[in-house]
Amino acid sequence: MRRKITPGTALLLSSSAILAFLLILGGLGAWSAGFSRQEAIATQYALDTAIALGKITPTITDSALEAFYQRGVAAYRAKDYPNAITQLDTVVRYRAYRDTAAYLLLAFKAQGDLQAGQPDKLTVAPLTYATGLELVKNKGPEVMQGFQRSPDLLGTATYPTLLKSIQDQQFWSDHYARGNSSASFSGGNDWWDQTIPEWEKVYQSNPGYLKDNSLLALNQRLSDTYKTKALDLCRVKGDYAGALSAVNRGLEISYKSKLPEQKQSILLNLYYFITQNQCQAG
């Protein structure tokens, strides 16, 4: 015999069914929202990747480009090169705009020139020059057009001579930094065997590299390196031939570079000491 459902029971069952239906709808909504959010994240990631790979160029208004450009130029003229690079690079990454690429190349060069003369930035300078050369490699037409648009930016130089200057500075600063990394100017360990080859590469093409920098002038430091090597080979290792070769090269550099008389005198006295056959180990 079938049991009769009371009105109260029917109401309870109806309420439960409605609640279950609402929960299902809520679950579907949450799932849909979560799916949409994941889809949006995936879409944004794909967009960011495409932009990074250069497949898509994001849009930016001319007024925004002009603002970045003006801030970059102002920073360059104020010799705030890191800020100038940041502002100008933002413009160049979007599209060719006025003479921005030319200013950016000059900012990289000026920043590299500063770093090359700072003891704590020696290893950074060649990287800065290299970034400027990479700009020319990737945006060459834009850089050239920038200088054509504003030829006064080159001063008395030409575009080819500017590029050659940056290439030379990159080479010199790189080998100078490598030599400096092993230079200790103390006896032993034969550190000069790592320093001299690197600094000679610079000296051969630019004997006056950093000559106005009292701490880093290449000619003085290279001459001092040969002096230290000669002393060690003479007094510690008893290597007469090696010591004589080193002191002769140190004297040659000091004379050609017209180093202070005191430095020349020290090297000359060392030369006489060695030639008098006073080199002996111990």
Protein backbone atom coordinates (compact mmCIF):
# COMPACT_ATOMS: atom_id res chain seq x y z
CA MET A 1 0.00 0.00 0.00
CA ARG A 2 1.43 3.37 -1.05
CA ARG A 3 2.13 5.84 1.70
CA LYS A 4 0.47 9.19 1.39
CA ILE A 5 2.82 12.20 1.30
CA THR A 6 1.77 14.84 3.76
CA PRO A 7 1.76 18.55 2.75
CA GLY A 8 4.72 19.20 5.10
CA THR A 9 6.80 16.46 3.54
CA ALA A 10 5.97 17.67 0.03
CA LEU A 11 7.08 21.20 0.95
CA LEU A 12 10.36 19.90 2.38
CA LEU A 13 11.09 17.85 -0.74
CA SER A 14 10.31 20.78 -3.00
CA SER A 15 12.62 23.06 -0.99
CA SER A 16 15.42 20.49 -1.15
CA ALA A 17 15.03 20.13 -4.90
CA ILE A 18 15.14 23.91 -5.38
CA LEU A 19 18.23 24.20 -3.16
CA ALA A 20 20.01 21.42 -5.05
CA PHE A 21 19.18 23.12 -8.35
CA LEU A 22 20.56 26.44 -7.08
CA LEU A 23 23.74 24.73 -5.89
CA ILE A 24 24.20 23.14 -9.28
CA LEU A 25 23.70 26.51 -10.95
CA GLY A 26 26.18 28.09 -8.55
CA GLY A 27 28.73 25.39 -9.24
CA LEU A 28 28.30 25.82 -12.94
CA GLY A 29 28.72 29.59 -12.53
CA ALA A 30 31.85 29.22 -10.45
CA TRP A 31 33.27 26.70 -12.89
CA SER A 32 32.43 29.01 -15.78
CA ALA A 33 34.01 32.00 -14.01
CA GLY A 34 37.11 29.97 -13.17
CA PHE A 35 37.37 28.73 -16.72
CA SER A 36 36.95 32.25 -18.06
CA ARG A 37 39.64 33.53 -15.70
CA GLN A 38 42.06 30.77 -16.72
CA GLU A 39 41.25 31.45 -20.36
CA ALA A 40 41.94 35.17 -19.82
CA ILE A 41 45.27 34.40 -18.13
CA ALA A 42 46.27 32.11 -20.98
CA THR A 43 45.24 34.73 -23.53
CA GLN A 44 47.23 37.47 -21.77
CA TYR A 45 50.24 35.18 -21.52
CA ALA A 46 50.06 34.42 -25.23
CA LEU A 47 49.76 38.15 -25.94
CA ASP A 48 52.74 39.03 -23.74
CA THR A 49 54.79 36.30 -25.38
CA ALA A 50 53.91 37.54 -28.85
CA ILE A 51 54.89 41.09 -27.89
CA ALA A 52 58.20 39.90 -26.40
CA LEU A 53 58.98 37.99 -29.59
CA GLY A 54 58.19 41.03 -31.71
CA LYS A 55 55.24 39.36 -33.43
CA ILE A 56 52.83 42.00 -32.15
CA THR A 57 53.53 45.70 -31.67
CA PRO A 58 51.40 47.12 -28.85
CA THR A 59 49.71 50.41 -29.52
CA ILE A 60 50.66 53.66 -27.82
CA THR A 61 49.42 57.16 -28.47
CA ASP A 62 51.58 59.81 -30.08
CA SER A 63 51.15 61.99 -27.01
CA ALA A 64 52.56 59.21 -24.82
CA LEU A 65 55.50 58.70 -27.18
CA GLU A 66 56.17 62.43 -27.15
CA ALA A 67 56.16 62.46 -23.34
CA PHE A 68 58.72 59.63 -23.17
CA TYR A 69 60.77 61.32 -25.88
CA GLN A 70 60.87 64.70 -24.13
CA ARG A 71 61.81 63.13 -20.79
CA GLY A 72 64.54 61.10 -22.48
CA VAL A 73 66.05 64.05 -24.32
CA ALA A 74 65.92 66.21 -21.18
CA ALA A 75 67.66 63.47 -19.17
CA TYR A 76 70.35 63.06 -21.86
CA ARG A 77 71.08 66.79 -21.91
CA ALA A 78 71.26 66.76 -18.10
CA LYS A 79 73.76 63.86 -18.36
CA ASP A 80 71.37 61.56 -16.51
CA TYR A 81 72.16 58.77 -18.93
CA PRO A 82 70.51 55.81 -17.12
CA ASN A 83 67.19 57.68 -17.05
CA ALA A 84 67.66 58.83 -20.64
CA ILE A 85 68.21 55.24 -21.75
CA THR A 86 65.07 54.06 -19.96
CA GLN A 87 62.84 56.76 -21.45
CA LEU A 88 64.23 56.62 -24.99
CA ASP A 89 64.33 52.83 -25.12
CA THR A 90 60.61 52.77 -24.27
CA VAL A 91 59.93 54.77 -27.45
CA VAL A 92 62.29 52.79 -29.68
CA ARG A 93 60.70 49.52 -28.63
CA TYR A 94 57.34 50.68 -30.04
CA ARG A 95 58.24 52.29 -33.35
CA ALA A 96 60.46 54.78 -35.12
CA TYR A 97 59.80 58.22 -33.68
CA ARG A 98 61.66 61.39 -34.60
CA ASP A 99 65.39 61.12 -33.69
CA THR A 100 64.86 58.92 -30.63
CA ALA A 101 67.07 56.04 -31.83
CA ALA A 102 69.97 58.43 -32.50
CA TYR A 103 69.66 59.93 -29.01
CA LEU A 104 69.52 56.44 -27.51
CA LEU A 105 72.77 55.40 -29.20
CA LEU A 106 74.48 58.56 -27.94
CA ALA A 107 73.16 57.85 -24.43
CA PHE A 108 74.64 54.34 -24.48
CA LYS A 109 78.02 55.73 -25.60
CA ALA A 110 78.04 58.50 -23.00
CA GLN A 111 77.09 56.07 -20.23
CA GLY A 112 79.80 53.64 -21.33
CA ASP A 113 82.38 56.45 -21.38
CA LEU A 114 81.53 57.30 -17.78
CA GLN A 115 81.62 53.69 -16.60
CA ALA A 116 84.96 53.04 -18.32
CA GLY A 117 86.58 55.59 -15.99
CA GLN A 118 85.06 54.31 -12.75
CA PRO A 119 86.95 51.55 -10.88
CA ASP A 120 83.73 49.83 -9.76
CA LYS A 121 82.15 49.94 -13.22
CA LEU A 122 84.98 48.64 -15.38
CA THR A 123 83.25 45.34 -16.15
CA VAL A 124 79.94 47.09 -16.91
CA ALA A 125 81.30 49.57 -19.47
CA PRO A 126 81.91 47.03 -22.28
CA LEU A 127 78.37 45.69 -21.79
CA THR A 128 76.92 49.17 -22.17
CA TYR A 129 78.84 49.78 -25.39
CA ALA A 130 77.78 46.34 -26.64
CA THR A 131 74.13 47.20 -26.00
CA GLY A 132 74.54 50.33 -28.10
CA LEU A 133 76.05 48.28 -30.92
CA GLU A 134 73.17 45.82 -30.62
CA LEU A 135 70.79 48.75 -31.10
CA VAL A 136 72.54 49.58 -34.36
CA LYS A 137 72.35 45.94 -35.43
CA ASN A 138 68.60 45.68 -34.77
CA LYS A 139 67.47 49.24 -35.51
CA GLY A 140 70.15 50.46 -37.91
CA PRO A 141 67.84 52.31 -40.35
CA GLU A 142 66.07 54.08 -37.48
CA VAL A 143 69.38 55.18 -35.92
CA MET A 144 70.71 56.47 -39.24
CA GLN A 145 67.45 58.26 -40.03
CA GLY A 146 67.59 59.88 -36.60
CA PHE A 147 70.99 61.39 -37.33
CA GLN A 148 69.85 62.43 -40.79
CA ARG A 149 66.91 64.18 -39.17
CA SER A 150 69.15 65.89 -36.56
CA PRO A 151 72.71 66.02 -37.97
CA ASP A 152 73.81 68.41 -35.21
CA LEU A 153 73.74 65.46 -32.81
CA LEU A 154 76.93 64.17 -34.43
CA GLY A 155 78.85 67.38 -33.79
CA THR A 156 82.05 67.29 -35.82
CA ALA A 157 81.91 63.50 -36.24
CA THR A 158 80.24 61.42 -38.92
CA TYR A 159 77.94 58.45 -38.40
CA PRO A 160 80.60 55.90 -39.50
CA THR A 161 83.24 57.45 -37.22
CA LEU A 162 80.78 57.40 -34.31
CA LEU A 163 80.16 53.69 -34.83
CA LYS A 164 83.90 53.03 -35.10
CA SER A 165 84.46 54.94 -31.86
CA ILE A 166 81.87 52.83 -30.01
CA GLN A 167 83.37 49.62 -31.39
CA ASP A 168 86.86 50.69 -30.31
CA GLN A 169 85.69 51.73 -26.86
CA GLN A 170 83.92 48.40 -26.43
CA PHE A 171 87.13 46.54 -27.34
CA TRP A 172 89.39 48.67 -25.15
CA SER A 173 87.12 48.68 -22.11
CA ASP A 174 86.59 44.92 -22.36
CA HIS A 175 90.28 44.00 -22.42
CA TYR A 176 91.16 46.65 -19.86
CA ALA A 177 88.58 45.23 -17.47
CA ARG A 178 89.88 41.70 -18.02
CA GLY A 179 93.42 42.77 -17.24
CA ASN A 180 92.28 44.70 -14.20
CA SER A 181 90.46 41.69 -12.77
CA SER A 182 93.77 39.89 -12.20
CA ALA A 183 96.00 42.89 -11.41
CA SER A 184 97.12 43.00 -7.78
CA PHE A 185 100.49 44.83 -7.99
CA SER A 186 101.98 42.60 -5.36
CA GLY A 187 104.69 40.01 -5.82
CA GLY A 188 104.12 36.35 -6.43
CA ASN A 189 101.37 34.37 -8.15
CA ASP A 190 102.58 35.63 -11.54
CA TRP A 191 99.37 37.68 -11.88
CA TRP A 192 101.04 39.80 -14.57
CA ASP A 193 100.90 36.87 -16.97
CA GLN A 194 97.12 37.41 -17.12
CA THR A 195 97.18 41.20 -16.92
CA ILE A 196 99.91 42.10 -19.43
CA PRO A 197 98.43 40.33 -22.51
CA GLU A 198 95.06 42.01 -21.99
CA TRP A 199 96.50 45.49 -21.40
CA GLU A 200 98.97 45.16 -24.27
CA LYS A 201 96.02 44.64 -26.64
CA VAL A 202 94.70 48.02 -25.56
CA TYR A 203 98.09 49.75 -25.51
CA GLN A 204 98.97 48.61 -29.04
CA SER A 205 95.96 50.41 -30.53
CA ASN A 206 95.49 53.20 -27.98
CA PRO A 207 98.57 53.98 -25.81
CA GLY A 208 96.77 56.92 -24.24
CA TYR A 209 93.74 54.99 -23.02
CA LEU A 210 92.41 56.72 -19.87
CA LYS A 211 95.57 58.83 -19.72
CA ASP A 212 93.73 61.66 -17.97
CA ASN A 213 92.50 59.35 -15.22
CA SER A 214 95.12 59.38 -12.46
CA LEU A 215 93.91 56.08 -11.01
CA LEU A 216 93.33 54.09 -14.18
CA ALA A 217 95.69 55.48 -16.85
CA LEU A 218 96.75 52.47 -18.90
CA ASN A 219 100.28 53.60 -19.70
CA GLN A 220 101.16 54.11 -16.03
CA ARG A 221 99.56 50.88 -14.85
CA LEU A 222 101.10 48.80 -17.61
CA SER A 223 104.54 50.27 -16.92
CA ASP A 224 104.10 49.52 -13.21
CA THR A 225 103.07 45.97 -14.08
CA TYR A 226 106.30 45.39 -16.00
CA LYS A 227 108.27 46.89 -13.09
CA THR A 228 106.61 44.50 -10.61
CA LYS A 229 107.25 41.55 -12.92
CA ALA A 230 110.91 42.53 -13.35
CA LEU A 231 111.41 42.81 -9.60
CA ASP A 232 109.90 39.39 -8.96
CA LEU A 233 111.85 37.68 -11.74
CA CYS A 234 115.08 39.28 -10.55
CA ARG A 235 114.90 39.05 -6.77
CA VAL A 236 112.70 35.98 -6.27
CA LYS A 237 113.27 33.75 -9.27
CA GLY A 238 116.75 34.87 -10.30
CA ASP A 239 115.62 35.08 -13.92
CA TYR A 240 118.03 37.65 -15.38
CA ALA A 241 116.80 37.46 -18.99
CA GLY A 242 113.13 37.66 -18.05
CA ALA A 243 113.72 40.54 -15.65
CA LEU A 244 115.71 42.49 -18.22
CA SER A 245 113.03 41.99 -20.87
CA ALA A 246 110.30 43.18 -18.48
CA VAL A 247 112.14 46.29 -17.27
CA ASN A 248 113.05 47.25 -20.83
CA ARG A 249 109.42 47.15 -21.86
CA GLY A 250 108.43 49.16 -18.81
CA LEU A 251 111.05 51.80 -19.66
CA GLU A 252 109.92 51.91 -23.30
CA ILE A 253 106.33 52.60 -22.24
CA SER A 254 107.35 55.21 -19.69
CA TYR A 255 109.50 57.11 -22.22
CA LYS A 256 106.96 57.02 -25.04
CA SER A 257 104.15 58.02 -22.72
CA LYS A 258 106.26 60.72 -21.06
CA LEU A 259 105.40 59.46 -17.61
CA PRO A 260 106.56 61.50 -14.57
CA GLU A 261 110.32 61.57 -14.09
CA GLN A 262 110.00 59.80 -10.75
CA LYS A 263 108.51 56.74 -12.41
CA GLN A 264 111.13 56.76 -15.14
CA SER A 265 113.88 57.08 -12.54
CA ILE A 266 112.62 54.04 -10.58
CA LEU A 267 112.56 51.93 -13.72
CA LEU A 268 116.00 53.15 -14.79
CA ASN A 269 117.52 52.29 -11.40
CA LEU A 270 115.94 48.84 -11.62
CA TYR A 271 117.43 48.45 -15.10
CA TYR A 272 120.92 49.25 -13.76
CA PHE A 273 120.41 46.86 -10.85
CA ILE A 274 119.53 44.02 -13.23
CA THR A 275 122.30 44.73 -15.76
CA GLN A 276 124.86 44.69 -12.95
CA ASN A 277 123.96 41.03 -12.62
CA GLN A 278 122.53 41.38 -9.14
CA CYS A 279 119.58 39.10 -9.84
CA GLN A 280 119.62 36.07 -7.58
CA ALA A 281 116.99 33.93 -5.97
CA GLY A 282 116.53 34.13 -2.22
